[in-house]
């Protein structure tokens, strides 16, 4: 997997920046004076809650012995991959929230 990392400037005020996570890509845009930080914080919290629920759902599925033993191997592998990606996304979102 190709990974490109460009760190935001040290003087970037995270409270006035919008951040989006899409797979392995995190985009941070300085929006001082252009966005409502309360709305951004609410969106971030909502994203954290959704990712947390998804992690719980995927862990529950993988802990189900019937699913793991009866589902095709590629579906179980896909579920594991989705879980790992969602856990990474959740960690990134939590880091953004501080």
N, C-alpha and C. Protein backbone atom coordinates (compact mmCIF):
# COMPACT_ATOMS: atom_id res chain seq x y z
N UNK A 1 0.85 -1.17 0.00
CA UNK A 1 0.00 0.00 0.00
C UNK A 1 0.89 1.24 0.00
N UNK A 2 0.58 2.17 -0.85
CA UNK A 2 1.30 3.43 -0.94
C UNK A 2 0.78 4.35 0.14
N UNK A 3 1.68 4.97 0.88
CA UNK A 3 1.27 5.89 1.93
C UNK A 3 2.04 7.17 1.78
N UNK A 4 1.32 8.27 1.67
CA UNK A 4 1.93 9.59 1.56
C UNK A 4 1.56 10.36 2.82
N UNK A 5 2.55 10.92 3.48
CA UNK A 5 2.29 11.68 4.70
C UNK A 5 2.86 13.08 4.56
N UNK A 6 2.00 14.03 4.76
CA UNK A 6 2.42 15.43 4.78
C UNK A 6 1.85 16.00 6.07
N UNK A 7 2.72 16.39 6.97
CA UNK A 7 2.26 16.90 8.25
C UNK A 7 1.76 18.33 8.11
N UNK A 8 0.66 18.66 8.81
CA UNK A 8 0.18 20.03 8.77
C UNK A 8 1.18 20.95 9.46
N UNK A 9 1.16 22.23 9.14
CA UNK A 9 2.09 23.16 9.77
C UNK A 9 1.92 23.18 11.29
N UNK A 10 3.01 23.40 12.00
CA UNK A 10 2.99 23.38 13.46
C UNK A 10 2.05 24.44 14.03
N UNK A 11 1.87 25.55 13.32
CA UNK A 11 1.02 26.63 13.83
C UNK A 11 -0.45 26.46 13.45
N UNK A 12 -0.83 25.32 12.89
CA UNK A 12 -2.22 25.07 12.52
C UNK A 12 -3.06 24.94 13.77
N UNK A 13 -4.11 25.73 13.88
CA UNK A 13 -5.04 25.66 15.00
C UNK A 13 -6.05 24.56 14.68
N UNK A 14 -5.97 23.43 15.36
CA UNK A 14 -6.84 22.30 15.07
C UNK A 14 -8.31 22.61 15.36
N UNK A 15 -8.55 23.59 16.20
CA UNK A 15 -9.93 23.95 16.52
C UNK A 15 -10.60 24.67 15.35
N UNK A 16 -9.82 25.22 14.46
CA UNK A 16 -10.39 25.93 13.30
C UNK A 16 -9.99 25.24 12.00
N UNK A 17 -9.76 23.95 12.06
CA UNK A 17 -9.41 23.19 10.86
C UNK A 17 -10.39 22.04 10.72
N UNK A 18 -10.71 21.73 9.49
CA UNK A 18 -11.59 20.59 9.20
C UNK A 18 -10.71 19.40 8.83
N UNK A 19 -11.06 18.24 9.35
CA UNK A 19 -10.29 17.04 9.07
C UNK A 19 -11.24 15.96 8.60
N UNK A 20 -10.83 15.25 7.57
CA UNK A 20 -11.61 14.13 7.05
C UNK A 20 -10.69 12.94 6.91
N UNK A 21 -11.22 11.76 7.21
CA UNK A 21 -10.47 10.52 7.09
C UNK A 21 -11.19 9.63 6.08
N UNK A 22 -10.44 9.17 5.09
CA UNK A 22 -10.98 8.25 4.09
C UNK A 22 -9.95 7.16 3.87
N UNK A 23 -10.17 6.02 4.51
CA UNK A 23 -9.19 4.94 4.42
C UNK A 23 -7.87 5.38 5.03
N UNK A 24 -6.77 5.23 4.30
CA UNK A 24 -5.47 5.60 4.84
C UNK A 24 -5.14 7.09 4.68
N UNK A 25 -6.09 7.88 4.14
CA UNK A 25 -5.83 9.29 3.86
C UNK A 25 -6.52 10.18 4.89
N UNK A 26 -5.76 11.10 5.48
CA UNK A 26 -6.31 12.10 6.37
C UNK A 26 -6.03 13.47 5.76
N UNK A 27 -7.08 14.25 5.62
CA UNK A 27 -6.95 15.57 5.02
C UNK A 27 -7.34 16.61 6.07
N UNK A 28 -6.47 17.58 6.32
CA UNK A 28 -6.75 18.65 7.25
C UNK A 28 -6.69 19.97 6.50
N UNK A 29 -7.77 20.75 6.59
CA UNK A 29 -7.84 22.03 5.90
C UNK A 29 -8.03 23.16 6.90
N UNK A 30 -7.16 24.16 6.88
CA UNK A 30 -7.35 25.30 7.77
C UNK A 30 -8.55 26.13 7.29
N UNK A 31 -9.51 26.32 8.17
CA UNK A 31 -10.73 27.03 7.80
C UNK A 31 -11.08 28.15 8.79
N UNK A 32 -10.06 28.74 9.36
CA UNK A 32 -10.27 29.80 10.35
C UNK A 32 -11.25 30.82 9.81
N UNK A 33 -12.32 31.04 10.56
CA UNK A 33 -13.31 32.01 10.19
C UNK A 33 -14.31 31.53 9.14
N UNK A 34 -14.13 30.33 8.61
CA UNK A 34 -15.01 29.84 7.55
C UNK A 34 -16.00 28.78 8.02
N UNK A 35 -15.75 28.19 9.19
CA UNK A 35 -16.63 27.12 9.67
C UNK A 35 -17.05 27.40 11.10
N UNK A 36 -18.10 26.74 11.49
CA UNK A 36 -18.58 26.78 12.86
C UNK A 36 -17.93 25.62 13.60
N UNK A 37 -17.03 25.92 14.51
CA UNK A 37 -16.28 24.85 15.19
C UNK A 37 -17.19 23.95 16.02
N UNK A 38 -18.30 24.46 16.51
CA UNK A 38 -19.22 23.62 17.28
C UNK A 38 -19.85 22.56 16.38
N UNK A 39 -20.19 22.95 15.15
CA UNK A 39 -20.75 22.00 14.19
C UNK A 39 -19.71 20.95 13.83
N UNK A 40 -18.47 21.40 13.64
CA UNK A 40 -17.38 20.47 13.30
C UNK A 40 -17.15 19.48 14.44
N UNK A 41 -17.17 19.96 15.69
CA UNK A 41 -16.97 19.08 16.84
C UNK A 41 -18.11 18.07 16.94
N UNK A 42 -19.33 18.51 16.65
CA UNK A 42 -20.48 17.62 16.70
C UNK A 42 -20.36 16.54 15.62
N UNK A 43 -19.92 16.91 14.42
CA UNK A 43 -19.73 15.95 13.34
C UNK A 43 -18.66 14.93 13.70
N UNK A 44 -17.57 15.42 14.29
CA UNK A 44 -16.49 14.53 14.69
C UNK A 44 -16.97 13.54 15.74
N UNK A 45 -17.75 14.02 16.71
CA UNK A 45 -18.27 13.13 17.75
C UNK A 45 -19.21 12.09 17.14
N UNK A 46 -20.02 12.51 16.18
CA UNK A 46 -20.91 11.58 15.50
C UNK A 46 -20.12 10.52 14.74
N UNK A 47 -19.06 10.94 14.07
CA UNK A 47 -18.20 9.98 13.34
C UNK A 47 -17.55 8.99 14.30
N UNK A 48 -17.14 9.45 15.47
CA UNK A 48 -16.54 8.57 16.49
C UNK A 48 -17.57 7.55 16.97
N UNK A 49 -18.79 8.02 17.23
CA UNK A 49 -19.84 7.11 17.69
C UNK A 49 -20.16 6.05 16.63
N UNK A 50 -20.25 6.46 15.37
CA UNK A 50 -20.54 5.51 14.29
C UNK A 50 -19.41 4.48 14.15
N UNK A 51 -18.17 4.93 14.21
CA UNK A 51 -17.03 4.02 14.08
C UNK A 51 -16.98 3.06 15.27
N UNK A 52 -17.29 3.56 16.45
CA UNK A 52 -17.30 2.72 17.65
C UNK A 52 -18.35 1.62 17.52
N UNK A 53 -19.53 1.98 17.04
CA UNK A 53 -20.58 0.97 16.84
C UNK A 53 -20.18 -0.04 15.79
N UNK A 54 -19.54 0.41 14.73
CA UNK A 54 -19.10 -0.50 13.66
C UNK A 54 -18.04 -1.47 14.19
N UNK A 55 -17.10 -0.98 14.99
CA UNK A 55 -16.07 -1.85 15.58
C UNK A 55 -16.74 -2.91 16.46
N UNK A 56 -17.69 -2.49 17.28
CA UNK A 56 -18.39 -3.44 18.15
C UNK A 56 -19.13 -4.50 17.34
N UNK A 57 -19.81 -4.06 16.28
CA UNK A 57 -20.58 -4.97 15.44
C UNK A 57 -19.66 -6.00 14.77
N UNK A 58 -18.53 -5.51 14.25
CA UNK A 58 -17.60 -6.42 13.57
C UNK A 58 -16.93 -7.39 14.54
N UNK A 59 -16.58 -6.90 15.73
CA UNK A 59 -15.99 -7.79 16.74
C UNK A 59 -16.99 -8.86 17.16
N UNK A 60 -18.25 -8.46 17.30
CA UNK A 60 -19.28 -9.42 17.68
C UNK A 60 -19.43 -10.49 16.59
N UNK A 61 -19.42 -10.06 15.34
CA UNK A 61 -19.54 -11.01 14.23
C UNK A 61 -18.36 -11.99 14.25
N UNK A 62 -17.15 -11.48 14.44
CA UNK A 62 -15.96 -12.34 14.42
C UNK A 62 -15.87 -13.23 15.66
N UNK A 63 -16.54 -12.86 16.74
CA UNK A 63 -16.52 -13.71 17.93
C UNK A 63 -17.58 -14.80 17.85
N UNK A 64 -18.44 -14.73 16.84
CA UNK A 64 -19.47 -15.75 16.63
C UNK A 64 -18.82 -16.94 15.94
N UNK A 65 -18.68 -18.04 16.68
CA UNK A 65 -18.01 -19.23 16.14
C UNK A 65 -18.72 -19.80 14.92
N UNK A 66 -20.04 -19.68 14.88
CA UNK A 66 -20.77 -20.18 13.72
C UNK A 66 -20.43 -19.39 12.47
N UNK A 67 -20.37 -18.07 12.61
CA UNK A 67 -20.03 -17.24 11.45
C UNK A 67 -18.63 -17.59 10.94
N UNK A 68 -17.69 -17.66 11.84
CA UNK A 68 -16.30 -17.92 11.45
C UNK A 68 -16.15 -19.31 10.82
N UNK A 69 -16.88 -20.28 11.34
CA UNK A 69 -16.73 -21.65 10.81
C UNK A 69 -17.55 -21.90 9.54
N UNK A 70 -18.67 -21.21 9.37
CA UNK A 70 -19.55 -21.51 8.24
C UNK A 70 -19.43 -20.52 7.08
N UNK A 71 -19.03 -19.31 7.36
CA UNK A 71 -18.94 -18.31 6.29
C UNK A 71 -17.73 -18.63 5.40
N UNK A 72 -17.82 -18.28 4.12
CA UNK A 72 -16.67 -18.48 3.23
C UNK A 72 -15.44 -17.73 3.77
N UNK A 73 -14.29 -18.33 3.57
CA UNK A 73 -13.05 -17.75 4.09
C UNK A 73 -12.85 -16.31 3.64
N UNK A 74 -13.19 -16.02 2.38
CA UNK A 74 -12.96 -14.66 1.90
C UNK A 74 -13.85 -13.64 2.62
N UNK A 75 -15.05 -14.04 3.07
CA UNK A 75 -15.91 -13.12 3.81
C UNK A 75 -15.37 -12.87 5.22
N UNK A 76 -14.87 -13.92 5.84
CA UNK A 76 -14.27 -13.76 7.18
C UNK A 76 -13.04 -12.86 7.08
N UNK A 77 -12.22 -13.08 6.06
CA UNK A 77 -11.03 -12.23 5.86
C UNK A 77 -11.44 -10.79 5.60
N UNK A 78 -12.48 -10.60 4.81
CA UNK A 78 -12.96 -9.25 4.51
C UNK A 78 -13.47 -8.57 5.78
N UNK A 79 -14.16 -9.32 6.63
CA UNK A 79 -14.64 -8.77 7.90
C UNK A 79 -13.47 -8.36 8.78
N UNK A 80 -12.44 -9.19 8.83
CA UNK A 80 -11.25 -8.85 9.62
C UNK A 80 -10.57 -7.59 9.08
N UNK A 81 -10.49 -7.49 7.77
CA UNK A 81 -9.87 -6.32 7.15
C UNK A 81 -10.70 -5.06 7.45
N UNK A 82 -12.00 -5.18 7.33
CA UNK A 82 -12.88 -4.04 7.62
C UNK A 82 -12.74 -3.62 9.07
N UNK A 83 -12.63 -4.58 9.97
CA UNK A 83 -12.43 -4.28 11.39
C UNK A 83 -11.13 -3.51 11.59
N UNK A 84 -10.05 -3.97 11.00
CA UNK A 84 -8.75 -3.29 11.16
C UNK A 84 -8.82 -1.86 10.61
N UNK A 85 -9.44 -1.69 9.46
CA UNK A 85 -9.56 -0.35 8.87
C UNK A 85 -10.42 0.56 9.73
N UNK A 86 -11.49 0.03 10.26
CA UNK A 86 -12.39 0.82 11.10
C UNK A 86 -11.72 1.18 12.41
N UNK A 87 -10.93 0.27 12.96
CA UNK A 87 -10.19 0.58 14.20
C UNK A 87 -9.17 1.68 13.96
N UNK A 88 -8.50 1.64 12.81
CA UNK A 88 -7.54 2.72 12.47
C UNK A 88 -8.26 4.05 12.32
N UNK A 89 -9.39 4.03 11.64
CA UNK A 89 -10.17 5.25 11.44
C UNK A 89 -10.63 5.80 12.78
N UNK A 90 -11.12 4.93 13.66
CA UNK A 90 -11.57 5.35 14.98
C UNK A 90 -10.43 5.97 15.77
N UNK A 91 -9.26 5.35 15.75
CA UNK A 91 -8.10 5.90 16.46
C UNK A 91 -7.75 7.28 15.94
N UNK A 92 -7.81 7.46 14.64
CA UNK A 92 -7.50 8.76 14.04
C UNK A 92 -8.55 9.80 14.46
N UNK A 93 -9.80 9.42 14.44
CA UNK A 93 -10.86 10.34 14.84
C UNK A 93 -10.71 10.74 16.31
N UNK A 94 -10.41 9.76 17.16
CA UNK A 94 -10.23 10.04 18.58
C UNK A 94 -9.04 10.96 18.81
N UNK A 95 -7.99 10.77 18.05
CA UNK A 95 -6.81 11.64 18.15
C UNK A 95 -7.19 13.06 17.75
N UNK A 96 -8.00 13.20 16.71
CA UNK A 96 -8.43 14.53 16.27
C UNK A 96 -9.28 15.21 17.32
N UNK A 97 -10.08 14.42 18.02
CA UNK A 97 -10.95 14.99 19.03
C UNK A 97 -10.18 15.44 20.27
N UNK A 98 -8.97 14.88 20.40
CA UNK A 98 -8.11 15.27 21.52
C UNK A 98 -8.47 14.52 22.74
